[in-house]
Amino acid sequence: MSADVVKFNKFYYAYPNSDLVLKNIELTIKPGSFTVLMGPSGAGKTTLCKAMAGIVPYYYGGRYAGTVEVLGQDTKGKRVSDIAMHLGLMLEDYESQLVSLTAGEEVAFALLNHGFPPEEVEARTRKALEDVGLPGRENYQLDELSGGQRQRLLLASVLAVQPKVLVLDEPVSAMDPEGAASLYKLVNSLYQKYQMTVVVVEHNLNYVLPYATDLVALKDGEVIAADSFEQAALRAYDENCLQCLLPEIWQVKLCLQKRDGVSLGIWRTTDDAIAELKAVYGRANDND
């Protein structure tokens, strides 16, 4: 795998008859990372995902400058379907990406479009459905599946070609907390199993906090921070419009670090936060 699975070099983009949406994007996505994209509405997160997949600018048109590389290859001149062999994209409006009558046909359609032979299509379809928790559903009509199951079906279609990079744009926006937690648990298990690189746009960072390794913060079409989750969160905390988007426990953590000069660990859960707060501030009280 390339040293950088996705790399933006001085990338600018504007949709037709629009102002710039992305401005001077210099960004690398590290291989094997679970990278979260955060930012307020209109920051350019979805457009950034579409640029990774080649949909922007080559499908939408518009004005652009700079380059985007996927696995070391410039996306310029590449067909979107060719990029999809290496980078799978699932958009927020997942229903619009479903095109078949049955679950099996949906996964097979993606594979046949990529030129896989029929005997391999059948095996990959079965395995992809098993991977997302839909074993034996090949003959189910799409309207027999729940919304969450249809979302998993689309995930199976994307994963069936075994891309190195999985990009998810607000995948749980229509889910309740239990469903959201379940989907991210599934994504993390696939991330670990297949050693993929995962990029997720998420407005509720509490869902991805247990899994995120890296964080990219966007504001007004520009990258404000891109680093490990810890370091990028520190930078995002200094921006009012980004601070409020950080997980609540990290807002507390970073506030305490700045106020008290303490060094606190990586908090993945509320239990992590409570345990360390008791350890650090309990000791301080004992010394008073």
C-alpha atoms as a PDB file:
ATOM      1  CA  MET A   1       0.000   0.000   0.000  1.00  0.00           C
ATOM      2  CA  SER A   2       1.173   3.547  -0.758  1.00  0.00           C
ATOM      3  CA  ALA A   3       2.584   5.608   2.087  1.00  0.00           C
ATOM      4  CA  ASP A   4      -0.495   7.836   1.762  1.00  0.00           C
ATOM      5  CA  VAL A   5      -3.746   6.174   0.712  1.00  0.00           C
ATOM      6  CA  VAL A   6      -5.343   9.526  -0.152  1.00  0.00           C
ATOM      7  CA  LYS A   7      -3.456  12.748  -0.775  1.00  0.00           C
ATOM      8  CA  PHE A   8      -4.736  16.218  -1.686  1.00  0.00           C
ATOM      9  CA  ASN A   9      -2.219  18.641  -3.170  1.00  0.00           C
ATOM     10  CA  LYS A  10      -3.267  22.316  -3.166  1.00  0.00           C
ATOM     11  CA  PHE A  11      -6.781  21.262  -4.191  1.00  0.00           C
ATOM     12  CA  TYR A  12      -9.483  23.845  -4.892  1.00  0.00           C
ATOM     13  CA  TYR A  13     -13.011  23.130  -6.071  1.00  0.00           C
ATOM     14  CA  ALA A  14     -16.199  25.021  -6.940  1.00  0.00           C
ATOM     15  CA  TYR A  15     -19.446  23.481  -8.217  1.00  0.00           C
ATOM     16  CA  PRO A  16     -20.804  24.993 -11.459  1.00  0.00           C
ATOM     17  CA  ASN A  17     -21.990  28.569 -10.892  1.00  0.00           C
ATOM     18  CA  SER A  18     -20.813  28.433  -7.280  1.00  0.00           C
ATOM     19  CA  ASP A  19     -18.133  29.937  -5.087  1.00  0.00           C
ATOM     20  CA  LEU A  20     -15.217  27.826  -3.903  1.00  0.00           C
ATOM     21  CA  VAL A  21     -16.293  24.936  -1.670  1.00  0.00           C
ATOM     22  CA  LEU A  22     -12.800  23.559  -1.019  1.00  0.00           C
ATOM     23  CA  LYS A  23      -9.817  25.879  -0.692  1.00  0.00           C
ATOM     24  CA  ASN A  24      -6.142  24.965  -0.832  1.00  0.00           C
ATOM     25  CA  ILE A  25      -6.657  21.475   0.602  1.00  0.00           C
ATOM     26  CA  GLU A  26      -3.354  19.926   1.681  1.00  0.00           C
ATOM     27  CA  LEU A  27      -4.255  16.629   3.308  1.00  0.00           C
ATOM     28  CA  THR A  28      -3.009  13.071   3.583  1.00  0.00           C
ATOM     29  CA  ILE A  29      -4.956  10.102   4.897  1.00  0.00           C
ATOM     30  CA  LYS A  30      -2.604   7.590   6.472  1.00  0.00           C
ATOM     31  CA  PRO A  31      -2.873   3.883   5.640  1.00  0.00           C
ATOM     32  CA  GLY A  32      -4.580   1.852   8.327  1.00  0.00           C
ATOM     33  CA  SER A  33      -6.087   4.899  10.011  1.00  0.00           C
ATOM     34  CA  PHE A  34      -9.681   5.335  11.161  1.00  0.00           C
ATOM     35  CA  THR A  35      -9.987   8.994  10.225  1.00  0.00           C
ATOM     36  CA  VAL A  36     -12.946  11.162  11.211  1.00  0.00           C
ATOM     37  CA  LEU A  37     -13.899  14.302   9.270  1.00  0.00           C
ATOM     38  CA  MET A  38     -15.611  16.946  11.389  1.00  0.00           C
ATOM     39  CA  GLY A  39     -16.847  20.458  10.795  1.00  0.00           C
ATOM     40  CA  PRO A  40     -19.982  22.615  10.795  1.00  0.00           C
ATOM     41  CA  SER A  41     -22.580  22.394   8.033  1.00  0.00           C
ATOM     42  CA  GLY A  42     -21.226  23.789   4.788  1.00  0.00           C
ATOM     43  CA  ALA A  43     -17.604  23.144   5.722  1.00  0.00           C
ATOM     44  CA  GLY A  44     -17.038  20.973   2.631  1.00  0.00           C
ATOM     45  CA  LYS A  45     -16.945  17.512   4.234  1.00  0.00           C
ATOM     46  CA  THR A  46     -19.190  15.753   1.711  1.00  0.00           C
ATOM     47  CA  THR A  47     -17.465  17.434  -1.222  1.00  0.00           C
ATOM     48  CA  LEU A  48     -14.112  16.278   0.145  1.00  0.00           C
ATOM     49  CA  CYS A  49     -15.409  12.682   0.216  1.00  0.00           C
ATOM     50  CA  LYS A  50     -16.702  12.979  -3.345  1.00  0.00           C
ATOM     51  CA  ALA A  51     -13.323  14.323  -4.438  1.00  0.00           C
ATOM     52  CA  MET A  52     -11.631  11.240  -2.966  1.00  0.00           C
ATOM     53  CA  ALA A  53     -13.920   9.044  -5.084  1.00  0.00           C
ATOM     54  CA  GLY A  54     -13.415  11.110  -8.246  1.00  0.00           C
ATOM     55  CA  ILE A  55     -17.083  12.125  -8.405  1.00  0.00           C
ATOM     56  CA  VAL A  56     -15.861  15.666  -7.850  1.00  0.00           C
ATOM     57  CA  PRO A  57     -14.924  17.160 -10.239  1.00  0.00           C
ATOM     58  CA  TYR A  58     -15.291  14.541 -12.962  1.00  0.00           C
ATOM     59  CA  TYR A  59     -19.035  13.885 -12.574  1.00  0.00           C
ATOM     60  CA  TYR A  60     -20.287  17.238 -11.306  1.00  0.00           C
ATOM     61  CA  GLY A  61     -18.017  19.422 -13.396  1.00  0.00           C
ATOM     62  CA  GLY A  62     -17.173  22.850 -12.019  1.00  0.00           C
ATOM     63  CA  ARG A  63     -13.831  24.547 -11.513  1.00  0.00           C
ATOM     64  CA  TYR A  64     -10.857  22.956  -9.798  1.00  0.00           C
ATOM     65  CA  ALA A  65      -7.117  23.164  -9.365  1.00  0.00           C
ATOM     66  CA  GLY A  66      -4.566  20.882  -7.755  1.00  0.00           C
ATOM     67  CA  THR A  67      -4.595  17.105  -7.550  1.00  0.00           C
ATOM     68  CA  VAL A  68      -6.091  14.208  -5.625  1.00  0.00           C
ATOM     69  CA  GLU A  69      -4.191  10.927  -5.408  1.00  0.00           C
ATOM     70  CA  VAL A  70      -5.601   7.558  -4.337  1.00  0.00           C
ATOM     71  CA  LEU A  71      -3.002   4.893  -3.570  1.00  0.00           C
ATOM     72  CA  GLY A  72      -0.382   7.015  -5.291  1.00  0.00           C
ATOM     73  CA  GLN A  73      -2.374   7.457  -8.521  1.00  0.00           C
ATOM     74  CA  ASP A  74      -3.714  10.824  -9.682  1.00  0.00           C
ATOM     75  CA  THR A  75      -7.501  10.587 -10.053  1.00  0.00           C
ATOM     76  CA  LYS A  76      -7.399  12.897 -13.086  1.00  0.00           C
ATOM     77  CA  GLY A  77      -8.398  10.951 -16.171  1.00  0.00           C
ATOM     78  CA  LYS A  78      -9.486   7.924 -14.139  1.00  0.00           C
ATOM     79  CA  ARG A  79     -13.005   6.549 -14.412  1.00  0.00           C
ATOM     80  CA  VAL A  80     -15.020   6.725 -11.189  1.00  0.00           C
ATOM     81  CA  SER A  81     -15.626   2.970 -11.484  1.00  0.00           C
ATOM     82  CA  ASP A  82     -11.872   2.334 -11.594  1.00  0.00           C
ATOM     83  CA  ILE A  83     -11.296   4.427  -8.472  1.00  0.00           C
ATOM     84  CA  ALA A  84     -14.127   2.503  -6.764  1.00  0.00           C
ATOM     85  CA  MET A  85     -12.055  -0.678  -7.034  1.00  0.00           C
ATOM     86  CA  HIS A  86      -9.690   0.861  -4.497  1.00  0.00           C
ATOM     87  CA  LEU A  87     -11.861   3.367  -2.633  1.00  0.00           C
ATOM     88  CA  GLY A  88     -15.465   2.600  -1.743  1.00  0.00           C
ATOM     89  CA  LEU A  89     -17.857   5.483  -1.004  1.00  0.00           C
ATOM     90  CA  MET A  90     -21.189   5.341   0.835  1.00  0.00           C
ATOM     91  CA  LEU A  91     -23.089   8.635   0.807  1.00  0.00           C
ATOM     92  CA  GLU A  92     -25.536   9.897   3.421  1.00  0.00           C
ATOM     93  CA  ASP A  93     -28.483   9.414   1.044  1.00  0.00           C
ATOM     94  CA  TYR A  94     -27.775   5.697   0.786  1.00  0.00           C
ATOM     95  CA  GLU A  95     -31.223   4.883  -0.623  1.00  0.00           C
ATOM     96  CA  SER A  96     -30.330   6.708  -3.844  1.00  0.00           C
ATOM     97  CA  GLN A  97     -27.398   4.333  -4.349  1.00  0.00           C
ATOM     98  CA  LEU A  98     -29.572   1.195  -4.288  1.00  0.00           C
ATOM     99  CA  VAL A  99     -30.615   0.139  -7.797  1.00  0.00           C
ATOM    100  CA  SER A 100     -31.751  -3.519  -7.705  1.00  0.00           C
ATOM    101  CA  LEU A 101     -34.793  -5.537  -6.611  1.00  0.00           C
ATOM    102  CA  THR A 102     -33.132  -8.080  -4.321  1.00  0.00           C
ATOM    103  CA  ALA A 103     -30.226  -8.013  -1.899  1.00  0.00           C
ATOM    104  CA  GLY A 104     -28.222 -10.514  -3.919  1.00  0.00           C
ATOM    105  CA  GLU A 105     -28.767  -8.606  -7.161  1.00  0.00           C
ATOM    106  CA  GLU A 106     -27.655  -5.379  -5.490  1.00  0.00           C
ATOM    107  CA  VAL A 107     -24.261  -6.772  -4.500  1.00  0.00           C
ATOM    108  CA  ALA A 108     -23.876  -8.713  -7.757  1.00  0.00           C
ATOM    109  CA  PHE A 109     -24.645  -5.583  -9.802  1.00  0.00           C
ATOM    110  CA  ALA A 110     -21.648  -3.792  -8.317  1.00  0.00           C
ATOM    111  CA  LEU A 111     -19.371  -6.767  -8.962  1.00  0.00           C
ATOM    112  CA  LEU A 112     -20.553  -7.317 -12.544  1.00  0.00           C
ATOM    113  CA  ASN A 113     -19.996  -3.626 -13.282  1.00  0.00           C
ATOM    114  CA  HIS A 114     -16.387  -4.138 -12.255  1.00  0.00           C
ATOM    115  CA  GLY A 115     -15.991  -7.131 -14.564  1.00  0.00           C
ATOM    116  CA  PHE A 116     -15.840  -9.981 -12.068  1.00  0.00           C
ATOM    117  CA  PRO A 117     -16.660 -13.419 -13.575  1.00  0.00           C
ATOM    118  CA  PRO A 118     -20.048 -14.941 -12.633  1.00  0.00           C
ATOM    119  CA  GLU A 119     -18.616 -17.708 -10.440  1.00  0.00           C
ATOM    120  CA  GLU A 120     -16.654 -15.166  -8.408  1.00  0.00           C
ATOM    121  CA  VAL A 121     -19.656 -12.835  -8.211  1.00  0.00           C
ATOM    122  CA  GLU A 122     -21.702 -15.489  -6.439  1.00  0.00           C
ATOM    123  CA  ALA A 123     -18.991 -16.234  -3.867  1.00  0.00           C
ATOM    124  CA  ARG A 124     -18.226 -12.566  -3.199  1.00  0.00           C
ATOM    125  CA  THR A 125     -21.921 -11.722  -2.880  1.00  0.00           C
ATOM    126  CA  ARG A 126     -22.470 -14.429  -0.292  1.00  0.00           C
ATOM    127  CA  LYS A 127     -19.373 -13.413   1.683  1.00  0.00           C
ATOM    128  CA  ALA A 128     -20.178  -9.677   1.586  1.00  0.00           C
ATOM    129  CA  LEU A 129     -23.684 -10.272   2.935  1.00  0.00           C
ATOM    130  CA  GLU A 130     -22.281 -12.461   5.697  1.00  0.00           C
ATOM    131  CA  ASP A 131     -19.726  -9.777   6.596  1.00  0.00           C
ATOM    132  CA  VAL A 132     -22.429  -7.164   7.213  1.00  0.00           C
ATOM    133  CA  GLY A 133     -24.724  -9.459   9.169  1.00  0.00           C
ATOM    134  CA  LEU A 134     -27.139 -10.341   6.351  1.00  0.00           C
ATOM    135  CA  PRO A 135     -26.364 -14.030   5.704  1.00  0.00           C
ATOM    136  CA  GLY A 136     -28.786 -15.883   3.455  1.00  0.00           C
ATOM    137  CA  ARG A 137     -30.618 -12.710   2.396  1.00  0.00           C
ATOM    138  CA  GLU A 138     -29.738 -12.985  -1.306  1.00  0.00           C
ATOM    139  CA  ASN A 139     -33.368 -13.420  -2.404  1.00  0.00           C
ATOM    140  CA  TYR A 140     -34.893 -10.821  -0.082  1.00  0.00           C
ATOM    141  CA  GLN A 141     -36.670  -7.961  -1.826  1.00  0.00           C
ATOM    142  CA  LEU A 142     -35.272  -4.586  -0.793  1.00  0.00           C
ATOM    143  CA  ASP A 143     -38.652  -3.582   0.652  1.00  0.00           C
ATOM    144  CA  GLU A 144     -38.446  -6.626   2.946  1.00  0.00           C
ATOM    145  CA  LEU A 145     -35.361  -5.146   4.589  1.00  0.00           C
ATOM    146  CA  SER A 146     -35.416  -2.489   7.296  1.00  0.00           C
ATOM    147  CA  GLY A 147     -33.702   0.851   6.766  1.00  0.00           C
ATOM    148  CA  GLY A 148     -30.721  -0.301   8.789  1.00  0.00           C
ATOM    149  CA  GLN A 149     -30.515  -3.540   6.801  1.00  0.00           C
ATOM    150  CA  ARG A 150     -30.633  -1.651   3.493  1.00  0.00           C
ATOM    151  CA  GLN A 151     -27.786   0.498   4.726  1.00  0.00           C
ATOM    152  CA  ARG A 152     -25.805  -2.651   5.559  1.00  0.00           C
ATOM    153  CA  LEU A 153     -26.670  -3.968   2.102  1.00  0.00           C
ATOM    154  CA  LEU A 154     -25.123  -0.926   0.464  1.00  0.00           C
ATOM    155  CA  LEU A 155     -22.080  -1.393   2.678  1.00  0.00           C
ATOM    156  CA  ALA A 156     -21.877  -4.995   1.421  1.00  0.00           C
ATOM    157  CA  SER A 157     -22.023  -3.763  -2.188  1.00  0.00           C
ATOM    158  CA  VAL A 158     -19.163  -1.355  -1.560  1.00  0.00           C
ATOM    159  CA  LEU A 159     -17.058  -3.926   0.295  1.00  0.00           C
ATOM    160  CA  ALA A 160     -17.629  -6.776  -2.167  1.00  0.00           C
ATOM    161  CA  VAL A 161     -14.867  -5.495  -4.462  1.00  0.00           C
ATOM    162  CA  GLN A 162     -12.523  -5.414  -1.434  1.00  0.00           C
ATOM    163  CA  PRO A 163     -11.378  -1.769  -1.598  1.00  0.00           C
ATOM    164  CA  LYS A 164      -8.387  -0.629   0.431  1.00  0.00           C
ATOM    165  CA  VAL A 165     -10.212   2.513   1.575  1.00  0.00           C
ATOM    166  CA  LEU A 166     -13.791   2.855   2.864  1.00  0.00           C
ATOM    167  CA  VAL A 167     -15.325   6.349   2.938  1.00  0.00           C
ATOM    168  CA  LEU A 168     -18.616   6.868   4.794  1.00  0.00           C
ATOM    169  CA  ASP A 169     -20.490  10.178   4.681  1.00  0.00           C
ATOM    170  CA  GLU A 170     -22.790  10.591   7.716  1.00  0.00           C
ATOM    171  CA  PRO A 171     -23.739   6.883   7.697  1.00  0.00           C
ATOM    172  CA  VAL A 172     -25.897   7.027  10.842  1.00  0.00           C
ATOM    173  CA  SER A 173     -27.674  10.367  10.367  1.00  0.00           C
ATOM    174  CA  ALA A 174     -31.108   8.679  10.161  1.00  0.00           C
ATOM    175  CA  MET A 175     -30.487   6.134  12.934  1.00  0.00           C
ATOM    176  CA  ASP A 176     -31.326   6.091  16.610  1.00  0.00           C
ATOM    177  CA  PRO A 177     -28.383   5.889  19.058  1.00  0.00           C
ATOM    178  CA  GLU A 178     -28.623   2.106  19.358  1.00  0.00           C
ATOM    179  CA  GLY A 179     -28.602   1.610  15.593  1.00  0.00           C
ATOM    180  CA  ALA A 180     -25.741   4.079  15.175  1.00  0.00           C
ATOM    181  CA  ALA A 181     -23.625   2.323  17.787  1.00  0.00           C
ATOM    182  CA  SER A 182     -24.351  -1.031  16.136  1.00  0.00           C
ATOM    183  CA  LEU A 183     -23.319   0.160  12.668  1.00  0.00           C
ATOM    184  CA  TYR A 184     -20.069   1.686  13.892  1.00  0.00           C
ATOM    185  CA  LYS A 185     -19.284  -1.486  15.824  1.00  0.00           C
ATOM    186  CA  LEU A 186     -19.730  -3.377  12.542  1.00  0.00           C
ATOM    187  CA  VAL A 187     -17.576  -0.899  10.610  1.00  0.00           C
ATOM    188  CA  ASN A 188     -14.833  -1.192  13.212  1.00  0.00           C
ATOM    189  CA  SER A 189     -14.927  -4.997  13.084  1.00  0.00           C
ATOM    190  CA  LEU A 190     -14.542  -4.883   9.278  1.00  0.00           C
ATOM    191  CA  TYR A 191     -11.782  -2.278   9.624  1.00  0.00           C
ATOM    192  CA  GLN A 192      -9.897  -4.615  11.944  1.00  0.00           C
ATOM    193  CA  LYS A 193     -10.631  -7.787   9.955  1.00  0.00           C
ATOM    194  CA  TYR A 194      -9.572  -6.477   6.548  1.00  0.00           C
ATOM    195  CA  GLN A 195      -6.973  -3.913   7.712  1.00  0.00           C
ATOM    196  CA  MET A 196      -8.622  -1.206   5.645  1.00  0.00           C
ATOM    197  CA  THR A 197      -8.322   2.530   5.923  1.00  0.00           C
ATOM    198  CA  VAL A 198     -11.615   4.101   7.029  1.00  0.00           C
ATOM    199  CA  VAL A 199     -12.689   7.725   6.542  1.00  0.00           C
ATOM    200  CA  VAL A 200     -15.939   8.814   8.211  1.00  0.00           C
ATOM    201  CA  VAL A 201     -17.873  12.078   8.164  1.00  0.00           C
ATOM    202  CA  GLU A 202     -19.741  12.274  11.460  1.00  0.00           C
ATOM    203  CA  HIS A 203     -21.466  15.132  13.277  1.00  0.00           C
ATOM    204  CA  ASN A 204     -21.801  13.194  16.551  1.00  0.00           C
ATOM    205  CA  LEU A 205     -18.230  12.290  17.436  1.00  0.00           C
ATOM    206  CA  ASN A 206     -19.356  10.348  20.501  1.00  0.00           C
ATOM    207  CA  TYR A 207     -20.244   7.461  18.159  1.00  0.00           C
ATOM    208  CA  VAL A 208     -16.754   7.209  16.652  1.00  0.00           C
ATOM    209  CA  LEU A 209     -14.695   8.148  19.704  1.00  0.00           C
ATOM    210  CA  PRO A 210     -14.009   4.507  20.670  1.00  0.00           C
ATOM    211  CA  TYR A 211     -12.479   3.818  17.243  1.00  0.00           C
ATOM    212  CA  ALA A 212     -10.985   7.015  15.784  1.00  0.00           C
ATOM    213  CA  THR A 213      -7.220   7.215  15.338  1.00  0.00           C
ATOM    214  CA  ASP A 214      -7.074  10.476  13.363  1.00  0.00           C
ATOM    215  CA  LEU A 215      -9.155  13.625  13.032  1.00  0.00           C
ATOM    216  CA  VAL A 216      -9.545  16.183  10.251  1.00  0.00           C
ATOM    217  CA  ALA A 217     -11.335  19.426  11.119  1.00  0.00           C
ATOM    218  CA  LEU A 218     -12.803  21.548   8.324  1.00  0.00           C
ATOM    219  CA  LYS A 219     -14.132  25.090   8.425  1.00  0.00           C
ATOM    220  CA  ASP A 220     -15.344  27.159   5.461  1.00  0.00           C
ATOM    221  CA  GLY A 221     -13.793  24.734   2.982  1.00  0.00           C
ATOM    222  CA  GLU A 222     -10.354  24.762   4.586  1.00  0.00           C
ATOM    223  CA  VAL A 223      -8.481  22.221   6.692  1.00  0.00           C
ATOM    224  CA  ILE A 224      -8.034  23.685  10.176  1.00  0.00           C
ATOM    225  CA  ALA A 225      -6.416  20.609  11.717  1.00  0.00           C
ATOM    226  CA  ALA A 226      -5.341  17.163  10.505  1.00  0.00           C
ATOM    227  CA  ASP A 227      -3.428  14.919  12.871  1.00  0.00           C
ATOM    228  CA  SER A 228      -3.879  12.214  15.457  1.00  0.00           C
ATOM    229  CA  PHE A 229      -7.233  12.542  17.202  1.00  0.00           C
ATOM    230  CA  GLU A 230      -5.550  14.017  20.291  1.00  0.00           C
ATOM    231  CA  GLN A 231      -3.512  16.658  18.454  1.00  0.00           C
ATOM    232  CA  ALA A 232      -6.229  17.683  15.994  1.00  0.00           C
ATOM    233  CA  ALA A 233      -8.791  17.943  18.806  1.00  0.00           C
ATOM    234  CA  LEU A 234      -6.440  20.330  20.634  1.00  0.00           C
ATOM    235  CA  ARG A 235      -6.364  22.589  17.572  1.00  0.00           C
ATOM    236  CA  ALA A 236     -10.122  22.303  16.960  1.00  0.00           C
ATOM    237  CA  TYR A 237     -10.816  23.259  20.577  1.00  0.00           C
ATOM    238  CA  ASP A 238      -9.448  26.750  19.862  1.00  0.00           C
ATOM    239  CA  GLU A 239     -12.102  27.351  17.170  1.00  0.00           C
ATOM    240  CA  ASN A 240     -15.521  28.216  18.622  1.00  0.00           C
ATOM    241  CA  CYS A 241     -17.447  26.635  15.750  1.00  0.00           C
ATOM    242  CA  LEU A 242     -15.454  23.404  16.121  1.00  0.00           C
ATOM    243  CA  GLN A 243     -15.107  23.220  19.901  1.00  0.00           C
ATOM    244  CA  CYS A 244     -18.823  22.537  20.335  1.00  0.00           C
ATOM    245  CA  LEU A 245     -18.616  19.624  17.867  1.00  0.00           C
ATOM    246  CA  LEU A 246     -16.031  17.716  19.893  1.00  0.00           C
ATOM    247  CA  PRO A 247     -17.264  14.912  22.177  1.00  0.00           C
ATOM    248  CA  GLU A 248     -18.513  16.351  25.463  1.00  0.00           C
ATOM    249  CA  ILE A 249     -15.951  14.483  27.529  1.00  0.00           C
ATOM    250  CA  TRP A 250     -13.173  15.864  25.337  1.00  0.00           C
ATOM    251  CA  GLN A 251     -14.458  19.396  25.775  1.00  0.00           C
ATOM    252  CA  VAL A 252     -14.149  18.804  29.527  1.00  0.00           C
ATOM    253  CA  LYS A 253     -10.720  17.190  29.146  1.00  0.00           C
ATOM    254  CA  LEU A 254      -9.245  19.977  27.028  1.00  0.00           C
ATOM    255  CA  CYS A 255     -10.752  22.659  29.263  1.00  0.00           C
ATOM    256  CA  LEU A 256      -9.131  21.087  32.333  1.00  0.00           C
ATOM    257  CA  GLN A 257      -5.786  20.726  30.574  1.00  0.00           C
ATOM    258  CA  LYS A 258      -5.760  24.398  29.634  1.00  0.00           C
ATOM    259  CA  ARG A 259      -7.107  25.629  32.968  1.00  0.00           C
ATOM    260  CA  ASP A 260      -5.128  23.448  35.351  1.00  0.00           C
ATOM    261  CA  GLY A 261      -2.051  22.598  33.313  1.00  0.00           C
ATOM    262  CA  VAL A 262      -2.658  18.866  33.810  1.00  0.00           C
ATOM    263  CA  SER A 263      -1.845  16.193  31.252  1.00  0.00           C
ATOM    264  CA  LEU A 264      -4.735  13.786  30.739  1.00  0.00           C
ATOM    265  CA  GLY A 265      -4.855  10.566  28.724  1.00  0.00           C
ATOM    266  CA  ILE A 266      -6.902   9.468  25.738  1.00  0.00           C
ATOM    267  CA  TRP A 267     -10.540   9.264  26.812  1.00  0.00           C
ATOM    268  CA  ARG A 268     -12.477   6.793  24.672  1.00  0.00           C
ATOM    269  CA  THR A 269     -15.443   6.389  27.021  1.00  0.00           C
ATOM    270  CA  THR A 270     -17.099   8.144  29.937  1.00  0.00           C
ATOM    271  CA  ASP A 271     -15.655   5.442  32.193  1.00  0.00           C
ATOM    272  CA  ASP A 272     -12.140   6.400  31.034  1.00  0.00           C
ATOM    273  CA  ALA A 273     -12.858  10.022  31.921  1.00  0.00           C
ATOM    274  CA  ILE A 274     -14.307   9.264  35.357  1.00  0.00           C
ATOM    275  CA  ALA A 275     -11.448   6.933  36.272  1.00  0.00           C
ATOM    276  CA  GLU A 276      -8.749   9.448  35.369  1.00  0.00           C
ATOM    277  CA  LEU A 277     -10.546  12.403  36.943  1.00  0.00           C
ATOM    278  CA  LYS A 278     -10.793  10.466  40.196  1.00  0.00           C
ATOM    279  CA  ALA A 279      -7.120   9.526  39.989  1.00  0.00           C
ATOM    280  CA  VAL A 280      -5.826  13.020  39.156  1.00  0.00           C
ATOM    281  CA  TYR A 281      -8.153  15.234  41.157  1.00  0.00           C
ATOM    282  CA  GLY A 282      -8.516  12.739  43.972  1.00  0.00           C
ATOM    283  CA  ARG A 283      -4.755  12.943  44.508  1.00  0.00           C
ATOM    284  CA  ALA A 284      -4.908  16.730  44.375  1.00  0.00           C
ATOM    285  CA  ASN A 285      -7.584  16.798  47.077  1.00  0.00           C
ATOM    286  CA  ASP A 286      -5.579  14.385  49.237  1.00  0.00           C
ATOM    287  CA  ASN A 287      -2.633  16.786  49.101  1.00  0.00           C
ATOM    288  CA  ASP A 288      -4.666  19.830  50.193  1.00  0.00           C
END
